[in-house]
Amino acid sequence: MTNCLFCRIVAGELPSKKVHEDEQTFAFEDIRPQAPTHVLVVPKKHLRGLKEAGPEDVELIGRCHLVAAQIARQRGIENGYRTVLNVGPGAGQSVFHLHVHLLGGRRLDWPPG
């Protein structure tokens, strides 16, 4: 999708601080980090959000979470991190390309906000 910010980052049209890339996913540092580790894991396939996902997207969504877990291990934050999917503008989703936030490296209280 040509006007999607994250599709343009995945395509290399816009700069990012890449953390991970494989055939199906791309992960990069958030430009407004909310924790010492704040990485976004996106599928390379454009998927507007979780509510638009279908049964064919199950493995891809799971893969995004497993990539987040791998990055958490690499960064040594396995004692506590959070993965977040914001769904819709009421939940804070501002880029409409499904993405998993990996947050860690500091205490994460509950409820989140």
PDB file of N, CA and C in Angstrom:
ATOM      1  N   MET A   1       0.862  -1.174   0.000  1.00  0.00           N
ATOM      2  CA  MET A   1       0.000   0.000   0.000  1.00  0.00           C
ATOM      3  C   MET A   1       0.909   1.238   0.000  1.00  0.00           C
ATOM      4  N   THR A   2       0.787   2.071  -0.983  1.00  0.00           N
ATOM      5  CA  THR A   2       1.741   3.160  -1.202  1.00  0.00           C
ATOM      6  C   THR A   2       1.654   4.296  -0.192  1.00  0.00           C
ATOM      7  N   ASN A   3       0.508   4.538   0.398  1.00  0.00           N
ATOM      8  CA  ASN A   3       0.403   5.654   1.341  1.00  0.00           C
ATOM      9  C   ASN A   3       0.521   5.230   2.801  1.00  0.00           C
ATOM     10  N   CYS A   4       0.852   3.990   3.051  1.00  0.00           N
ATOM     11  CA  CYS A   4       0.978   3.484   4.413  1.00  0.00           C
ATOM     12  C   CYS A   4       2.407   3.739   4.924  1.00  0.00           C
ATOM     13  N   LEU A   5       2.510   4.423   6.038  1.00  0.00           N
ATOM     14  CA  LEU A   5       3.808   4.752   6.631  1.00  0.00           C
ATOM     15  C   LEU A   5       4.659   3.495   6.864  1.00  0.00           C
ATOM     16  N   PHE A   6       4.082   2.477   7.464  1.00  0.00           N
ATOM     17  CA  PHE A   6       4.862   1.281   7.779  1.00  0.00           C
ATOM     18  C   PHE A   6       5.209   0.483   6.524  1.00  0.00           C
ATOM     19  N   CYS A   7       4.336   0.459   5.516  1.00  0.00           N
ATOM     20  CA  CYS A   7       4.684  -0.202   4.253  1.00  0.00           C
ATOM     21  C   CYS A   7       5.875   0.501   3.614  1.00  0.00           C
ATOM     22  N   ARG A   8       5.923   1.814   3.715  1.00  0.00           N
ATOM     23  CA  ARG A   8       7.039   2.572   3.147  1.00  0.00           C
ATOM     24  C   ARG A   8       8.331   2.313   3.915  1.00  0.00           C
ATOM     25  N   ILE A   9       8.239   2.149   5.238  1.00  0.00           N
ATOM     26  CA  ILE A   9       9.424   1.802   6.040  1.00  0.00           C
ATOM     27  C   ILE A   9       9.919   0.409   5.656  1.00  0.00           C
ATOM     28  N   VAL A  10       9.011  -0.552   5.561  1.00  0.00           N
ATOM     29  CA  VAL A  10       9.387  -1.924   5.187  1.00  0.00           C
ATOM     30  C   VAL A  10      10.044  -1.938   3.805  1.00  0.00           C
ATOM     31  N   ALA A  11       9.542  -1.126   2.887  1.00  0.00           N
ATOM     32  CA  ALA A  11      10.078  -1.074   1.527  1.00  0.00           C
ATOM     33  C   ALA A  11      11.408  -0.325   1.439  1.00  0.00           C
ATOM     34  N   GLY A  12      11.828   0.316   2.543  1.00  0.00           N
ATOM     35  CA  GLY A  12      13.079   1.060   2.541  1.00  0.00           C
ATOM     36  C   GLY A  12      12.943   2.465   1.975  1.00  0.00           C
ATOM     37  N   GLU A  13      11.719   2.909   1.762  1.00  0.00           N
ATOM     38  CA  GLU A  13      11.485   4.250   1.232  1.00  0.00           C
ATOM     39  C   GLU A  13      11.645   5.326   2.297  1.00  0.00           C
ATOM     40  N   LEU A  14      11.456   4.946   3.553  1.00  0.00           N
ATOM     41  CA  LEU A  14      11.616   5.857   4.686  1.00  0.00           C
ATOM     42  C   LEU A  14      12.623   5.242   5.649  1.00  0.00           C
ATOM     43  N   PRO A  15      13.413   6.081   6.316  1.00  0.00           N
ATOM     44  CA  PRO A  15      14.428   5.547   7.220  1.00  0.00           C
ATOM     45  C   PRO A  15      13.818   4.976   8.500  1.00  0.00           C
ATOM     46  N   SER A  16      14.525   4.000   9.054  1.00  0.00           N
ATOM     47  CA  SER A  16      14.157   3.440  10.353  1.00  0.00           C
ATOM     48  C   SER A  16      15.411   2.834  10.958  1.00  0.00           C
ATOM     49  N   LYS A  17      15.353   2.591  12.265  1.00  0.00           N
ATOM     50  CA  LYS A  17      16.431   1.873  12.945  1.00  0.00           C
ATOM     51  C   LYS A  17      16.000   0.414  13.031  1.00  0.00           C
ATOM     52  N   LYS A  18      16.363  -0.346  11.998  1.00  0.00           N
ATOM     53  CA  LYS A  18      15.938  -1.745  11.896  1.00  0.00           C
ATOM     54  C   LYS A  18      16.557  -2.571  13.015  1.00  0.00           C
ATOM     55  N   VAL A  19      15.714  -3.417  13.598  1.00  0.00           N
ATOM     56  CA  VAL A  19      16.114  -4.323  14.666  1.00  0.00           C
ATOM     57  C   VAL A  19      16.116  -5.768  14.163  1.00  0.00           C
ATOM     58  N   HIS A  20      15.183  -6.084  13.289  1.00  0.00           N
ATOM     59  CA  HIS A  20      15.010  -7.465  12.824  1.00  0.00           C
ATOM     60  C   HIS A  20      14.293  -7.433  11.483  1.00  0.00           C
ATOM     61  N   GLU A  21      14.640  -8.409  10.641  1.00  0.00           N
ATOM     62  CA  GLU A  21      13.890  -8.599   9.404  1.00  0.00           C
ATOM     63  C   GLU A  21      13.960 -10.068   9.017  1.00  0.00           C
ATOM     64  N   ASP A  22      12.824 -10.599   8.605  1.00  0.00           N
ATOM     65  CA  ASP A  22      12.768 -11.940   8.022  1.00  0.00           C
ATOM     66  C   ASP A  22      11.800 -11.882   6.848  1.00  0.00           C
ATOM     67  N   GLU A  23      11.433 -13.020   6.297  1.00  0.00           N
ATOM     68  CA  GLU A  23      10.570 -13.031   5.120  1.00  0.00           C
ATOM     69  C   GLU A  23       9.197 -12.421   5.364  1.00  0.00           C
ATOM     70  N   GLN A  24       8.695 -12.508   6.593  1.00  0.00           N
ATOM     71  CA  GLN A  24       7.323 -12.074   6.879  1.00  0.00           C
ATOM     72  C   GLN A  24       7.211 -10.847   7.760  1.00  0.00           C
ATOM     73  N   THR A  25       8.274 -10.505   8.496  1.00  0.00           N
ATOM     74  CA  THR A  25       8.168  -9.399   9.460  1.00  0.00           C
ATOM     75  C   THR A  25       9.344  -8.440   9.355  1.00  0.00           C
ATOM     76  N   PHE A  26       9.122  -7.267   9.924  1.00  0.00           N
ATOM     77  CA  PHE A  26      10.134  -6.226   9.996  1.00  0.00           C
ATOM     78  C   PHE A  26       9.964  -5.555  11.351  1.00  0.00           C
ATOM     79  N   ALA A  27      11.049  -5.342  12.076  1.00  0.00           N
ATOM     80  CA  ALA A  27      10.970  -4.705  13.396  1.00  0.00           C
ATOM     81  C   ALA A  27      11.931  -3.527  13.436  1.00  0.00           C
ATOM     82  N   PHE A  28      11.485  -2.451  14.078  1.00  0.00           N
ATOM     83  CA  PHE A  28      12.296  -1.244  14.144  1.00  0.00           C
ATOM     84  C   PHE A  28      11.988  -0.463  15.425  1.00  0.00           C
ATOM     85  N   GLU A  29      12.918   0.397  15.805  1.00  0.00           N
ATOM     86  CA  GLU A  29      12.767   1.213  17.005  1.00  0.00           C
ATOM     87  C   GLU A  29      11.643   2.233  16.815  1.00  0.00           C
ATOM     88  N   ASP A  30      10.815   2.402  17.839  1.00  0.00           N
ATOM     89  CA  ASP A  30       9.769   3.423  17.811  1.00  0.00           C
ATOM     90  C   ASP A  30      10.429   4.803  17.870  1.00  0.00           C
ATOM     91  N   ILE A  31       9.909   5.758  17.115  1.00  0.00           N
ATOM     92  CA  ILE A  31      10.523   7.102  17.109  1.00  0.00           C
ATOM     93  C   ILE A  31      10.150   7.916  18.341  1.00  0.00           C
ATOM     94  N   ARG A  32       9.134   7.482  19.090  1.00  0.00           N
ATOM     95  CA  ARG A  32       8.758   8.137  20.350  1.00  0.00           C
ATOM     96  C   ARG A  32       8.688   7.072  21.443  1.00  0.00           C
ATOM     97  N   PRO A  33       9.843   6.556  21.867  1.00  0.00           N
ATOM     98  CA  PRO A  33       9.839   5.422  22.803  1.00  0.00           C
ATOM     99  C   PRO A  33       9.199   5.762  24.143  1.00  0.00           C
ATOM    100  N   GLN A  34       8.430   4.800  24.642  1.00  0.00           N
ATOM    101  CA  GLN A  34       7.771   4.917  25.938  1.00  0.00           C
ATOM    102  C   GLN A  34       8.451   4.068  27.004  1.00  0.00           C
ATOM    103  N   ALA A  35       9.547   3.429  26.636  1.00  0.00           N
ATOM    104  CA  ALA A  35      10.335   2.603  27.551  1.00  0.00           C
ATOM    105  C   ALA A  35      11.729   2.469  26.940  1.00  0.00           C
ATOM    106  N   PRO A  36      12.710   2.045  27.737  1.00  0.00           N
ATOM    107  CA  PRO A  36      14.056   1.872  27.176  1.00  0.00           C
ATOM    108  C   PRO A  36      14.081   0.965  25.939  1.00  0.00           C
ATOM    109  N   THR A  37      13.272  -0.085  25.939  1.00  0.00           N
ATOM    110  CA  THR A  37      13.049  -0.869  24.736  1.00  0.00           C
ATOM    111  C   THR A  37      11.633  -0.581  24.274  1.00  0.00           C
ATOM    112  N   HIS A  38      11.520  -0.034  23.079  1.00  0.00           N
ATOM    113  CA  HIS A  38      10.213   0.172  22.457  1.00  0.00           C
ATOM    114  C   HIS A  38      10.398  -0.076  20.963  1.00  0.00           C
ATOM    115  N   VAL A  39      10.099  -1.305  20.586  1.00  0.00           N
ATOM    116  CA  VAL A  39      10.280  -1.771  19.221  1.00  0.00           C
ATOM    117  C   VAL A  39       8.912  -2.073  18.634  1.00  0.00           C
ATOM    118  N   LEU A  40       8.734  -1.751  17.372  1.00  0.00           N
ATOM    119  CA  LEU A  40       7.515  -2.094  16.651  1.00  0.00           C
ATOM    120  C   LEU A  40       7.811  -3.264  15.729  1.00  0.00           C
ATOM    121  N   VAL A  41       6.981  -4.285  15.812  1.00  0.00           N
ATOM    122  CA  VAL A  41       7.103  -5.455  14.947  1.00  0.00           C
ATOM    123  C   VAL A  41       5.899  -5.434  14.010  1.00  0.00           C
ATOM    124  N   VAL A  42       6.182  -5.360  12.712  1.00  0.00           N
ATOM    125  CA  VAL A  42       5.103  -5.267  11.730  1.00  0.00           C
ATOM    126  C   VAL A  42       5.190  -6.424  10.743  1.00  0.00           C
ATOM    127  N   PRO A  43       4.031  -6.889  10.281  1.00  0.00           N
ATOM    128  CA  PRO A  43       4.067  -7.850   9.180  1.00  0.00           C
ATOM    129  C   PRO A  43       4.403  -7.108   7.895  1.00  0.00           C
ATOM    130  N   LYS A  44       5.116  -7.751   7.005  1.00  0.00           N
ATOM    131  CA  LYS A  44       5.411  -7.124   5.713  1.00  0.00           C
ATOM    132  C   LYS A  44       4.147  -7.017   4.867  1.00  0.00           C
ATOM    133  N   LYS A  45       3.242  -7.937   5.058  1.00  0.00           N
ATOM    134  CA  LYS A  45       1.941  -7.865   4.383  1.00  0.00           C
ATOM    135  C   LYS A  45       1.141  -6.733   5.026  1.00  0.00           C
ATOM    136  N   HIS A  46       0.554  -5.877   4.220  1.00  0.00           N
ATOM    137  CA  HIS A  46      -0.271  -4.811   4.796  1.00  0.00           C
ATOM    138  C   HIS A  46      -1.547  -5.417   5.363  1.00  0.00           C
ATOM    139  N   LEU A  47      -1.746  -5.158   6.619  1.00  0.00           N
ATOM    140  CA  LEU A  47      -2.942  -5.585   7.329  1.00  0.00           C
ATOM    141  C   LEU A  47      -3.336  -4.405   8.193  1.00  0.00           C
ATOM    142  N   ARG A  48      -4.484  -3.806   7.933  1.00  0.00           N
ATOM    143  CA  ARG A  48      -4.880  -2.552   8.572  1.00  0.00           C
ATOM    144  C   ARG A  48      -4.843  -2.632  10.099  1.00  0.00           C
ATOM    145  N   GLY A  49      -5.313  -3.725  10.659  1.00  0.00           N
ATOM    146  CA  GLY A  49      -5.313  -3.872  12.112  1.00  0.00           C
ATOM    147  C   GLY A  49      -5.883  -5.216  12.514  1.00  0.00           C
ATOM    148  N   LEU A  50      -5.916  -5.477  13.798  1.00  0.00           N
ATOM    149  CA  LEU A  50      -6.391  -6.767  14.301  1.00  0.00           C
ATOM    150  C   LEU A  50      -7.850  -7.013  13.941  1.00  0.00           C
ATOM    151  N   LYS A  51      -8.679  -5.980  14.013  1.00  0.00           N
ATOM    152  CA  LYS A  51     -10.097  -6.195  13.721  1.00  0.00           C
ATOM    153  C   LYS A  51     -10.353  -6.511  12.254  1.00  0.00           C
ATOM    154  N   GLU A  52      -9.398  -6.213  11.373  1.00  0.00           N
ATOM    155  CA  GLU A  52      -9.532  -6.539   9.967  1.00  0.00           C
ATOM    156  C   GLU A  52      -8.893  -7.890   9.613  1.00  0.00           C
ATOM    157  N   ALA A  53      -8.210  -8.493  10.560  1.00  0.00           N
ATOM    158  CA  ALA A  53      -7.526  -9.764  10.319  1.00  0.00           C
ATOM    159  C   ALA A  53      -8.533 -10.898  10.170  1.00  0.00           C
ATOM    160  N   GLY A  54      -8.119 -11.905   9.418  1.00  0.00           N
ATOM    161  CA  GLY A  54      -8.964 -13.077   9.226  1.00  0.00           C
ATOM    162  C   GLY A  54      -8.209 -14.337   9.616  1.00  0.00           C
ATOM    163  N   PRO A  55      -8.869 -15.471   9.485  1.00  0.00           N
ATOM    164  CA  PRO A  55      -8.239 -16.743   9.841  1.00  0.00           C
ATOM    165  C   PRO A  55      -6.916 -16.984   9.108  1.00  0.00           C
ATOM    166  N   GLU A  56      -6.787 -16.451   7.906  1.00  0.00           N
ATOM    167  CA  GLU A  56      -5.550 -16.620   7.141  1.00  0.00           C
ATOM    168  C   GLU A  56      -4.373 -15.848   7.731  1.00  0.00           C
ATOM    169  N   ASP A  57      -4.635 -14.964   8.691  1.00  0.00           N
ATOM    170  CA  ASP A  57      -3.593 -14.131   9.291  1.00  0.00           C
ATOM    171  C   ASP A  57      -3.103 -14.647  10.644  1.00  0.00           C
ATOM    172  N   VAL A  58      -3.654 -15.754  11.110  1.00  0.00           N
ATOM    173  CA  VAL A  58      -3.319 -16.290  12.434  1.00  0.00           C
ATOM    174  C   VAL A  58      -1.814 -16.487  12.598  1.00  0.00           C
ATOM    175  N   GLU A  59      -1.186 -17.175  11.676  1.00  0.00           N
ATOM    176  CA  GLU A  59       0.253 -17.460  11.799  1.00  0.00           C
ATOM    177  C   GLU A  59       1.074 -16.184  11.752  1.00  0.00           C
ATOM    178  N   LEU A  60       0.692 -15.233  10.920  1.00  0.00           N
ATOM    179  CA  LEU A  60       1.435 -13.983  10.795  1.00  0.00           C
ATOM    180  C   LEU A  60       1.372 -13.165  12.085  1.00  0.00           C
ATOM    181  N   ILE A  61       0.204 -13.093  12.691  1.00  0.00           N
ATOM    182  CA  ILE A  61       0.059 -12.357  13.954  1.00  0.00           C
ATOM    183  C   ILE A  61       0.858 -13.049  15.054  1.00  0.00           C
ATOM    184  N   GLY A  62       0.798 -14.368  15.104  1.00  0.00           N
ATOM    185  CA  GLY A  62       1.598 -15.119  16.073  1.00  0.00           C
ATOM    186  C   GLY A  62       3.083 -14.912  15.849  1.00  0.00           C
ATOM    187  N   ARG A  63       3.495 -14.898  14.595  1.00  0.00           N
ATOM    188  CA  ARG A  63       4.909 -14.678  14.274  1.00  0.00           C
ATOM    189  C   ARG A  63       5.387 -13.319  14.782  1.00  0.00           C
ATOM    190  N   CYS A  64       4.556 -12.297  14.653  1.00  0.00           N
ATOM    191  CA  CYS A  64       4.931 -10.970  15.160  1.00  0.00           C
ATOM    192  C   CYS A  64       5.222 -11.037  16.662  1.00  0.00           C
ATOM    193  N   HIS A  65       4.410 -11.755  17.390  1.00  0.00           N
ATOM    194  CA  HIS A  65       4.633 -11.885  18.836  1.00  0.00           C
ATOM    195  C   HIS A  65       5.890 -12.704  19.137  1.00  0.00           C
ATOM    196  N   LEU A  66       6.140 -13.745  18.371  1.00  0.00           N
ATOM    197  CA  LEU A  66       7.353 -14.540  18.586  1.00  0.00           C
ATOM    198  C   LEU A  66       8.610 -13.743  18.246  1.00  0.00           C
ATOM    199  N   VAL A  67       8.547 -12.889  17.246  1.00  0.00           N
ATOM    200  CA  VAL A  67       9.678 -12.008  16.941  1.00  0.00           C
ATOM    201  C   VAL A  67       9.906 -11.056  18.107  1.00  0.00           C
ATOM    202  N   ALA A  68       8.825 -10.526  18.678  1.00  0.00           N
ATOM    203  CA  ALA A  68       8.958  -9.653  19.846  1.00  0.00           C
ATOM    204  C   ALA A  68       9.640 -10.394  20.994  1.00  0.00           C
ATOM    205  N   ALA A  69       9.264 -11.648  21.233  1.00  0.00           N
ATOM    206  CA  ALA A  69       9.889 -12.447  22.298  1.00  0.00           C
ATOM    207  C   ALA A  69      11.374 -12.670  22.018  1.00  0.00           C
ATOM    208  N   GLN A  70      11.713 -12.907  20.762  1.00  0.00           N
ATOM    209  CA  GLN A  70      13.118 -13.093  20.379  1.00  0.00           C
ATOM    210  C   GLN A  70      13.926 -11.821  20.653  1.00  0.00           C
ATOM    211  N   ILE A  71      13.372 -10.677  20.312  1.00  0.00           N
ATOM    212  CA  ILE A  71      14.061  -9.404  20.551  1.00  0.00           C
ATOM    213  C   ILE A  71      14.213  -9.168  22.050  1.00  0.00           C
ATOM    214  N   ALA A  72      13.183  -9.506  22.831  1.00  0.00           N
ATOM    215  CA  ALA A  72      13.260  -9.359  24.287  1.00  0.00           C
ATOM    216  C   ALA A  72      14.399 -10.204  24.848  1.00  0.00           C
ATOM    217  N   ARG A  73      14.549 -11.441  24.357  1.00  0.00           N
ATOM    218  CA  ARG A  73      15.658 -12.301  24.793  1.00  0.00           C
ATOM    219  C   ARG A  73      16.994 -11.664  24.431  1.00  0.00           C
ATOM    220  N   GLN A  74      17.106 -11.176  23.214  1.00  0.00           N
ATOM    221  CA  GLN A  74      18.363 -10.560  22.760  1.00  0.00           C
ATOM    222  C   GLN A  74      18.733  -9.347  23.607  1.00  0.00           C
ATOM    223  N   ARG A  75      17.732  -8.644  24.091  1.00  0.00           N
ATOM    224  CA  ARG A  75      17.979  -7.424  24.873  1.00  0.00           C
ATOM    225  C   ARG A  75      18.037  -7.678  26.373  1.00  0.00           C
ATOM    226  N   GLY A  76      17.846  -8.911  26.787  1.00  0.00           N
ATOM    227  CA  GLY A  76      17.950  -9.254  28.203  1.00  0.00           C
ATOM    228  C   GLY A  76      16.841  -8.686  29.068  1.00  0.00           C
ATOM    229  N   ILE A  77      15.629  -8.580  28.517  1.00  0.00           N
ATOM    230  CA  ILE A  77      14.512  -8.022  29.302  1.00  0.00           C
ATOM    231  C   ILE A  77      13.432  -9.076  29.575  1.00  0.00           C
ATOM    232  N   GLU A  78      13.844 -10.330  29.588  1.00  0.00           N
ATOM    233  CA  GLU A  78      12.880 -11.409  29.762  1.00  0.00           C
ATOM    234  C   GLU A  78      12.215 -11.419  31.140  1.00  0.00           C
ATOM    235  N   ASN A  79      12.752 -10.691  32.102  1.00  0.00           N
ATOM    236  CA  ASN A  79      12.130 -10.666  33.429  1.00  0.00           C
ATOM    237  C   ASN A  79      10.852  -9.835  33.438  1.00  0.00           C
ATOM    238  N   GLY A  80      10.593  -9.087  32.377  1.00  0.00           N
ATOM    239  CA  GLY A  80       9.357  -8.324  32.296  1.00  0.00           C
ATOM    240  C   GLY A  80       9.308  -7.428  31.074  1.00  0.00           C
ATOM    241  N   TYR A  81       8.395  -7.744  30.194  1.00  0.00           N
ATOM    242  CA  TYR A  81       8.153  -6.898  29.044  1.00  0.00           C
ATOM    243  C   TYR A  81       6.686  -7.042  28.668  1.00  0.00           C
ATOM    244  N   ARG A  82       6.242  -6.183  27.792  1.00  0.00           N
ATOM    245  CA  ARG A  82       4.844  -6.200  27.382  1.00  0.00           C
ATOM    246  C   ARG A  82       4.776  -6.151  25.863  1.00  0.00           C
ATOM    247  N   THR A  83       3.843  -6.911  25.285  1.00  0.00           N
ATOM    248  CA  THR A  83       3.514  -6.764  23.882  1.00  0.00           C
ATOM    249  C   THR A  83       2.106  -6.183  23.816  1.00  0.00           C
ATOM    250  N   VAL A  84       1.929  -5.206  22.948  1.00  0.00           N
ATOM    251  CA  VAL A  84       0.662  -4.483  22.878  1.00  0.00           C
ATOM    252  C   VAL A  84       0.230  -4.356  21.423  1.00  0.00           C
ATOM    253  N   LEU A  85      -1.038  -4.616  21.190  1.00  0.00           N
ATOM    254  CA  LEU A  85      -1.685  -4.330  19.912  1.00  0.00           C
ATOM    255  C   LEU A  85      -2.774  -3.304  20.188  1.00  0.00           C
ATOM    256  N   ASN A  86      -2.601  -2.083  19.715  1.00  0.00           N
ATOM    257  CA  ASN A  86      -3.651  -1.086  19.831  1.00  0.00           C
ATOM    258  C   ASN A  86      -4.602  -1.291  18.655  1.00  0.00           C
ATOM    259  N   VAL A  87      -5.895  -1.343  18.943  1.00  0.00           N
ATOM    260  CA  VAL A  87      -6.885  -1.622  17.911  1.00  0.00           C
ATOM    261  C   VAL A  87      -7.852  -0.451  17.819  1.00  0.00           C
ATOM    262  N   GLY A  88      -7.689   0.345  16.786  1.00  0.00           N
ATOM    263  CA  GLY A  88      -8.564   1.488  16.547  1.00  0.00           C
ATOM    264  C   GLY A  88      -8.086   2.748  17.229  1.00  0.00           C
ATOM    265  N   PRO A  89      -8.583   3.885  16.758  1.00  0.00           N
ATOM    266  CA  PRO A  89      -8.144   5.173  17.296  1.00  0.00           C
ATOM    267  C   PRO A  89      -8.472   5.370  18.779  1.00  0.00           C
ATOM    268  N   GLY A  90      -9.559   4.764  19.255  1.00  0.00           N
ATOM    269  CA  GLY A  90      -9.923   4.881  20.667  1.00  0.00           C
ATOM    270  C   GLY A  90      -8.928   4.213  21.595  1.00  0.00           C
ATOM    271  N   ALA A  91      -8.113   3.308  21.050  1.00  0.00           N
ATOM    272  CA  ALA A  91      -7.080   2.617  21.832  1.00  0.00           C
ATOM    273  C   ALA A  91      -5.698   3.196  21.572  1.00  0.00           C
ATOM    274  N   GLY A  92      -5.632   4.239  20.742  1.00  0.00           N
ATOM    275  CA  GLY A  92      -4.348   4.878  20.481  1.00  0.00           C
ATOM    276  C   GLY A  92      -3.680   4.458  19.183  1.00  0.00           C
ATOM    277  N   GLN A  93      -4.350   3.641  18.366  1.00  0.00           N
ATOM    278  CA  GLN A  93      -3.741   3.272  17.085  1.00  0.00           C
ATOM    279  C   GLN A  93      -3.734   4.500  16.183  1.00  0.00           C
ATOM    280  N   SER A  94      -2.537   4.897  15.738  1.00  0.00           N
ATOM    281  CA  SER A  94      -2.434   6.078  14.872  1.00  0.00           C
ATOM    282  C   SER A  94      -1.902   5.728  13.486  1.00  0.00           C
ATOM    283  N   VAL A  95      -1.275   4.563  13.338  1.00  0.00           N
ATOM    284  CA  VAL A  95      -0.837   4.076  12.033  1.00  0.00           C
ATOM    285  C   VAL A  95      -1.635   2.807  11.765  1.00  0.00           C
ATOM    286  N   PHE A  96      -2.379   2.812  10.678  1.00  0.00           N
ATOM    287  CA  PHE A  96      -3.287   1.710  10.413  1.00  0.00           C
ATOM    288  C   PHE A  96      -2.640   0.654   9.522  1.00  0.00           C
ATOM    289  N   HIS A  97      -1.629   0.027  10.144  1.00  0.00           N
ATOM    290  CA  HIS A  97      -0.935  -1.162   9.658  1.00  0.00           C
ATOM    291  C   HIS A  97      -0.655  -1.924  10.943  1.00  0.00           C
ATOM    292  N   LEU A  98      -1.187  -3.121  11.063  1.00  0.00           N
ATOM    293  CA  LEU A  98      -1.040  -3.884  12.295  1.00  0.00           C
ATOM    294  C   LEU A  98       0.408  -3.858  12.770  1.00  0.00           C
ATOM    295  N   HIS A  99       0.596  -3.604  14.052  1.00  0.00           N
ATOM    296  CA  HIS A  99       1.944  -3.615  14.621  1.00  0.00           C
ATOM    297  C   HIS A  99       1.880  -3.972  16.094  1.00  0.00           C
ATOM    298  N   VAL A 100       2.873  -4.737  16.509  1.00  0.00           N
ATOM    299  CA  VAL A 100       3.014  -5.144  17.909  1.00  0.00           C
ATOM    300  C   VAL A 100       4.074  -4.252  18.533  1.00  0.00           C
ATOM    301  N   HIS A 101       3.709  -3.590  19.624  1.00  0.00           N
ATOM    302  CA  HIS A 101       4.682  -2.828  20.399  1.00  0.00           C
ATOM    303  C   HIS A 101       5.358  -3.782  21.375  1.00  0.00           C
ATOM    304  N   LEU A 102       6.663  -3.779  21.408  1.00  0.00           N
ATOM    305  CA  LEU A 102       7.435  -4.479  22.437  1.00  0.00           C
ATOM    306  C   LEU A 102       7.980  -3.411  23.370  1.00  0.00           C
ATOM    307  N   LEU A 103       7.543  -3.440  24.617  1.00  0.00           N
ATOM    308  CA  LEU A 103       7.957  -2.459  25.623  1.00  0.00           C
ATOM    309  C   LEU A 103       8.636  -3.170  26.774  1.00  0.00           C
ATOM    310  N   GLY A 104       9.771  -2.659  27.216  1.00  0.00           N
ATOM    311  CA  GLY A 104      10.468  -3.259  28.346  1.00  0.00           C
ATOM    312  C   GLY A 104      11.669  -2.435  28.753  1.00  0.00           C
ATOM    313  N   GLY A 105      12.362  -2.959  29.739  1.00  0.00           N
ATOM    314  CA  GLY A 105      13.543  -2.271  30.239  1.00  0.00           C
ATOM    315  C   GLY A 105      13.258  -1.332  31.398  1.00  0.00           C
ATOM    316  N   ARG A 106      12.017  -1.299  31.832  1.00  0.00           N
ATOM    317  CA  ARG A 106      11.612  -0.537  33.017  1.00  0.00           C
ATOM    318  C   ARG A 106      10.372  -1.219  33.595  1.00  0.00           C
ATOM    319  N   ARG A 107      10.009  -0.841  34.813  1.00  0.00           N
ATOM    320  CA  ARG A 107       8.806  -1.410  35.427  1.00  0.00           C
ATOM    321  C   ARG A 107       7.582  -0.952  34.642  1.00  0.00           C
ATOM    322  N   LEU A 108       6.721  -1.904  34.339  1.00  0.00           N
ATOM    323  CA  LEU A 108       5.477  -1.624  33.606  1.00  0.00           C
ATOM    324  C   LEU A 108       4.305  -1.898  34.540  1.00  0.00           C
ATOM    325  N   ASP A 109       3.717  -0.852  35.031  1.00  0.00           N
ATOM    326  CA  ASP A 109       2.615  -0.985  35.988  1.00  0.00           C
ATOM    327  C   ASP A 109       1.320  -1.379  35.296  1.00  0.00           C
ATOM    328  N   TRP A 110       0.370  -1.802  36.112  1.00  0.00           N
ATOM    329  CA  TRP A 110      -0.947  -2.185  35.623  1.00  0.00           C
ATOM    330  C   TRP A 110      -1.991  -1.528  36.478  1.00  0.00           C
ATOM    331  N   PRO A 111      -3.057  -0.966  35.945  1.00  0.00           N
ATOM    332  CA  PRO A 111      -3.382  -0.931  34.530  1.00  0.00           C
ATOM    333  C   PRO A 111      -2.498   0.046  33.768  1.00  0.00           C
ATOM    334  N   PRO A 112      -2.371  -0.169  32.443  1.00  0.00           N
ATOM    335  CA  PRO A 112      -1.422   0.615  31.676  1.00  0.00           C
ATOM    336  C   PRO A 112      -1.822   2.069  31.445  1.00  0.00           C
ATOM    337  N   GLY A 113      -3.085   2.417  31.531  1.00  0.00           N
ATOM    338  CA  GLY A 113      -3.394   3.837  31.334  1.00  0.00           C
ATOM    339  C   GLY A 113      -4.694   4.150  30.786  1.00  0.00           C
TER     340      GLY A 113
END
